[in-house]
Amino acid sequence: MTVKLTLARRQVHKIEDVGGVRIVCRKGTVWITVDGDATDHVLERGETFVAPPQARALVSALADARIDLLACQSRKQTMPISSRFQPIPLMKAAR
């Protein structure tokens, strides 16, 4: 199953159970932060990222972006991929 998402610049989305999901950047640039991973990941058009098992992630659009979420074949899904991706309201930046 593939979920296709379009993100506006500075839009942030949360994926509760990203483990084993392949994130493919189709357009723009996204920044991915995964719980328990000290390294942040930036994807540009054509790049992919697969998160470790049982992880939660935030995906932030650094520019208008389009991404695909693909379930890896080897992963036993704990919940449907479409229910894992949840928007987070954009908050005002600290001054």
N, C-alpha and C. Protein backbone atom coordinates (compact mmCIF):
# COMPACT_ATOMS: atom_id res chain seq x y z
N MET A 1 0.84 -1.18 0.00
CA MET A 1 0.00 0.00 0.00
C MET A 1 0.88 1.25 0.00
N THR A 2 0.49 2.24 -0.76
CA THR A 2 1.21 3.51 -0.83
C THR A 2 0.30 4.65 -0.42
N VAL A 3 0.81 5.53 0.42
CA VAL A 3 0.09 6.75 0.79
C VAL A 3 0.88 7.91 0.21
N LYS A 4 0.21 8.76 -0.58
CA LYS A 4 0.86 9.91 -1.20
C LYS A 4 0.42 11.17 -0.47
N LEU A 5 1.39 12.00 -0.08
CA LEU A 5 1.08 13.20 0.69
C LEU A 5 1.75 14.42 0.07
N THR A 6 1.04 15.52 0.11
CA THR A 6 1.59 16.80 -0.31
C THR A 6 1.69 17.67 0.93
N LEU A 7 2.88 18.23 1.16
CA LEU A 7 3.13 19.06 2.34
C LEU A 7 3.51 20.46 1.90
N ALA A 8 2.89 21.45 2.50
CA ALA A 8 3.27 22.84 2.25
C ALA A 8 4.53 23.16 3.05
N ARG A 9 5.26 24.15 2.61
CA ARG A 9 6.47 24.58 3.32
C ARG A 9 6.14 24.83 4.79
N ARG A 10 6.98 24.31 5.69
CA ARG A 10 6.86 24.42 7.14
C ARG A 10 5.74 23.57 7.74
N GLN A 11 5.05 22.78 6.94
CA GLN A 11 4.02 21.89 7.47
C GLN A 11 4.70 20.69 8.13
N VAL A 12 4.17 20.27 9.29
CA VAL A 12 4.74 19.17 10.05
C VAL A 12 3.70 18.08 10.21
N HIS A 13 4.13 16.83 10.02
CA HIS A 13 3.24 15.69 10.21
C HIS A 13 3.92 14.66 11.10
N LYS A 14 3.10 13.96 11.86
CA LYS A 14 3.62 12.92 12.76
C LYS A 14 3.22 11.56 12.21
N ILE A 15 4.16 10.62 12.26
CA ILE A 15 3.88 9.23 11.91
C ILE A 15 4.13 8.43 13.18
N GLU A 16 3.07 7.91 13.77
CA GLU A 16 3.18 7.20 15.06
C GLU A 16 4.01 5.93 14.99
N ASP A 17 3.83 5.16 13.93
CA ASP A 17 4.52 3.88 13.81
C ASP A 17 5.20 3.82 12.44
N VAL A 18 6.36 4.46 12.34
CA VAL A 18 7.05 4.60 11.05
C VAL A 18 7.99 3.43 10.77
N GLY A 19 8.20 2.56 11.75
CA GLY A 19 9.13 1.45 11.57
C GLY A 19 8.82 0.62 10.34
N GLY A 20 9.82 0.43 9.50
CA GLY A 20 9.66 -0.38 8.30
C GLY A 20 8.94 0.32 7.16
N VAL A 21 8.60 1.58 7.32
CA VAL A 21 7.95 2.33 6.25
C VAL A 21 9.02 3.06 5.46
N ARG A 22 8.98 2.94 4.16
CA ARG A 22 9.91 3.66 3.29
C ARG A 22 9.29 5.01 2.94
N ILE A 23 10.01 6.08 3.25
CA ILE A 23 9.58 7.44 2.90
C ILE A 23 10.36 7.84 1.66
N VAL A 24 9.64 8.17 0.60
CA VAL A 24 10.27 8.56 -0.66
C VAL A 24 9.89 10.01 -0.94
N CYS A 25 10.90 10.86 -1.12
CA CYS A 25 10.65 12.26 -1.44
C CYS A 25 10.50 12.38 -2.96
N ARG A 26 9.35 12.80 -3.41
CA ARG A 26 9.07 12.93 -4.84
C ARG A 26 9.28 14.36 -5.34
N LYS A 27 9.16 15.33 -4.42
CA LYS A 27 9.31 16.75 -4.79
C LYS A 27 9.71 17.52 -3.54
N GLY A 28 10.55 18.53 -3.69
CA GLY A 28 10.91 19.40 -2.58
C GLY A 28 11.93 18.78 -1.64
N THR A 29 11.89 19.23 -0.37
CA THR A 29 12.83 18.78 0.65
C THR A 29 12.08 18.57 1.96
N VAL A 30 12.34 17.43 2.63
CA VAL A 30 11.73 17.16 3.93
C VAL A 30 12.81 16.82 4.95
N TRP A 31 12.52 17.16 6.19
CA TRP A 31 13.40 16.89 7.32
C TRP A 31 12.69 15.88 8.20
N ILE A 32 13.36 14.77 8.52
CA ILE A 32 12.75 13.69 9.29
C ILE A 32 13.49 13.54 10.61
N THR A 33 12.74 13.57 11.71
CA THR A 33 13.28 13.35 13.04
C THR A 33 12.61 12.10 13.60
N VAL A 34 13.42 11.12 14.02
CA VAL A 34 12.90 9.85 14.54
C VAL A 34 13.24 9.75 16.02
N ASP A 35 12.25 9.40 16.84
CA ASP A 35 12.49 9.20 18.27
C ASP A 35 13.62 8.19 18.48
N GLY A 36 14.54 8.51 19.37
CA GLY A 36 15.63 7.62 19.70
C GLY A 36 16.79 7.63 18.72
N ASP A 37 16.71 8.45 17.69
CA ASP A 37 17.78 8.55 16.68
C ASP A 37 18.38 9.95 16.80
N ALA A 38 19.65 10.04 17.15
CA ALA A 38 20.31 11.34 17.34
C ALA A 38 20.55 12.07 16.02
N THR A 39 20.42 11.37 14.91
CA THR A 39 20.66 11.96 13.61
C THR A 39 19.34 12.36 12.95
N ASP A 40 19.24 13.59 12.49
CA ASP A 40 18.09 14.00 11.69
C ASP A 40 18.41 13.67 10.23
N HIS A 41 17.38 13.44 9.45
CA HIS A 41 17.55 13.04 8.06
C HIS A 41 16.85 14.04 7.16
N VAL A 42 17.56 14.51 6.13
CA VAL A 42 17.00 15.43 5.15
C VAL A 42 16.93 14.70 3.82
N LEU A 43 15.74 14.69 3.23
CA LEU A 43 15.55 14.05 1.94
C LEU A 43 15.22 15.09 0.89
N GLU A 44 15.85 14.96 -0.25
CA GLU A 44 15.52 15.77 -1.41
C GLU A 44 14.91 14.86 -2.47
N ARG A 45 14.42 15.44 -3.52
CA ARG A 45 13.75 14.69 -4.59
C ARG A 45 14.55 13.45 -4.98
N GLY A 46 13.86 12.30 -4.98
CA GLY A 46 14.47 11.05 -5.39
C GLY A 46 15.12 10.25 -4.28
N GLU A 47 15.27 10.84 -3.09
CA GLU A 47 15.92 10.14 -1.98
C GLU A 47 14.89 9.41 -1.12
N THR A 48 15.35 8.34 -0.44
CA THR A 48 14.46 7.54 0.40
C THR A 48 15.04 7.35 1.79
N PHE A 49 14.17 6.97 2.73
CA PHE A 49 14.57 6.71 4.10
C PHE A 49 13.67 5.61 4.65
N VAL A 50 14.27 4.65 5.35
CA VAL A 50 13.50 3.60 6.03
C VAL A 50 13.83 3.70 7.52
N ALA A 51 12.82 3.86 8.34
CA ALA A 51 13.01 4.03 9.78
C ALA A 51 13.19 2.70 10.48
N PRO A 52 13.84 2.73 11.66
CA PRO A 52 14.00 1.51 12.45
C PRO A 52 12.65 1.04 12.99
N PRO A 53 12.57 -0.23 13.42
CA PRO A 53 11.30 -0.77 13.95
C PRO A 53 10.80 0.01 15.16
N GLN A 54 9.49 0.04 15.30
CA GLN A 54 8.79 0.64 16.43
C GLN A 54 9.24 2.06 16.72
N ALA A 55 9.32 2.88 15.69
CA ALA A 55 9.74 4.27 15.85
C ALA A 55 8.59 5.22 15.54
N ARG A 56 8.70 6.41 16.11
CA ARG A 56 7.76 7.50 15.81
C ARG A 56 8.58 8.59 15.16
N ALA A 57 8.00 9.27 14.17
CA ALA A 57 8.77 10.29 13.43
C ALA A 57 7.94 11.54 13.19
N LEU A 58 8.66 12.65 13.06
CA LEU A 58 8.09 13.90 12.59
C LEU A 58 8.69 14.18 11.22
N VAL A 59 7.83 14.54 10.27
CA VAL A 59 8.28 14.88 8.93
C VAL A 59 7.92 16.35 8.71
N SER A 60 8.93 17.18 8.45
CA SER A 60 8.74 18.61 8.25
C SER A 60 9.13 18.98 6.83
N ALA A 61 8.30 19.75 6.17
CA ALA A 61 8.61 20.20 4.81
C ALA A 61 9.45 21.47 4.89
N LEU A 62 10.67 21.40 4.38
CA LEU A 62 11.54 22.59 4.33
C LEU A 62 11.19 23.45 3.13
N ALA A 63 10.57 22.84 2.14
CA ALA A 63 10.03 23.52 0.96
C ALA A 63 8.78 22.73 0.59
N ASP A 64 7.92 23.29 -0.25
CA ASP A 64 6.76 22.52 -0.69
C ASP A 64 7.24 21.15 -1.14
N ALA A 65 6.58 20.10 -0.66
CA ALA A 65 7.08 18.75 -0.90
C ALA A 65 5.94 17.78 -1.19
N ARG A 66 6.32 16.70 -1.80
CA ARG A 66 5.41 15.57 -2.02
C ARG A 66 6.18 14.31 -1.65
N ILE A 67 5.59 13.49 -0.78
CA ILE A 67 6.25 12.25 -0.36
C ILE A 67 5.31 11.07 -0.54
N ASP A 68 5.91 9.90 -0.67
CA ASP A 68 5.17 8.64 -0.68
C ASP A 68 5.59 7.84 0.54
N LEU A 69 4.63 7.20 1.19
CA LEU A 69 4.90 6.28 2.29
C LEU A 69 4.58 4.88 1.79
N LEU A 70 5.59 4.02 1.77
CA LEU A 70 5.43 2.67 1.25
C LEU A 70 5.74 1.66 2.34
N ALA A 71 4.87 0.70 2.56
CA ALA A 71 5.13 -0.36 3.53
C ALA A 71 6.15 -1.31 2.93
N CYS A 72 7.22 -1.57 3.67
CA CYS A 72 8.24 -2.52 3.23
C CYS A 72 7.65 -3.92 3.27
N GLN A 73 8.02 -4.76 2.33
CA GLN A 73 7.47 -6.11 2.24
C GLN A 73 7.77 -6.97 3.45
N SER A 74 8.95 -6.76 4.08
CA SER A 74 9.36 -7.62 5.18
C SER A 74 8.74 -7.24 6.52
N ARG A 75 7.98 -6.17 6.56
CA ARG A 75 7.46 -5.66 7.83
C ARG A 75 6.07 -6.21 8.12
N LYS A 76 5.89 -6.71 9.31
CA LYS A 76 4.55 -7.10 9.77
C LYS A 76 3.92 -5.84 10.33
N GLN A 77 2.87 -5.38 9.71
CA GLN A 77 2.27 -4.11 10.12
C GLN A 77 1.47 -4.27 11.40
N THR A 78 1.68 -3.31 12.31
CA THR A 78 0.93 -3.31 13.55
C THR A 78 -0.36 -2.51 13.43
N MET A 79 -0.40 -1.60 12.45
CA MET A 79 -1.61 -0.85 12.15
C MET A 79 -1.54 -0.43 10.69
N PRO A 80 -2.66 -0.21 10.03
CA PRO A 80 -2.62 0.20 8.62
C PRO A 80 -1.82 1.48 8.44
N ILE A 81 -1.05 1.54 7.36
CA ILE A 81 -0.17 2.69 7.11
C ILE A 81 -0.96 4.00 7.04
N SER A 82 -2.17 3.97 6.49
CA SER A 82 -2.93 5.21 6.34
C SER A 82 -3.36 5.80 7.68
N SER A 83 -3.47 4.98 8.73
CA SER A 83 -3.89 5.52 10.03
C SER A 83 -2.71 5.98 10.86
N ARG A 84 -1.48 5.74 10.41
CA ARG A 84 -0.29 6.13 11.18
C ARG A 84 0.11 7.58 10.95
N PHE A 85 -0.28 8.17 9.86
CA PHE A 85 0.19 9.49 9.48
C PHE A 85 -0.82 10.53 9.92
N GLN A 86 -0.43 11.40 10.87
CA GLN A 86 -1.36 12.36 11.44
C GLN A 86 -0.81 13.77 11.35
N PRO A 87 -1.61 14.74 10.91
CA PRO A 87 -1.13 16.12 10.87
C PRO A 87 -0.99 16.71 12.26
N ILE A 88 -0.03 17.63 12.38
CA ILE A 88 0.17 18.38 13.61
C ILE A 88 -0.09 19.85 13.27
N PRO A 89 -0.89 20.54 14.06
CA PRO A 89 -1.14 21.95 13.75
C PRO A 89 0.16 22.76 13.76
N LEU A 90 0.29 23.66 12.82
CA LEU A 90 1.46 24.52 12.75
C LEU A 90 1.38 25.52 13.91
N MET A 91 2.45 25.62 14.68
CA MET A 91 2.47 26.51 15.83
C MET A 91 3.27 27.77 15.49
N LYS A 92 3.00 28.84 16.18
CA LYS A 92 3.77 30.07 15.97
C LYS A 92 5.18 29.87 16.47
N ALA A 93 6.12 30.39 15.72
CA ALA A 93 7.54 30.28 16.11
C ALA A 93 7.80 31.14 17.34
N ALA A 94 8.72 30.68 18.18
CA ALA A 94 9.08 31.46 19.37
C ALA A 94 9.78 32.74 18.94
N ARG A 95 9.54 33.78 19.66
CA ARG A 95 10.17 35.05 19.31
C ARG A 95 11.43 35.26 20.07
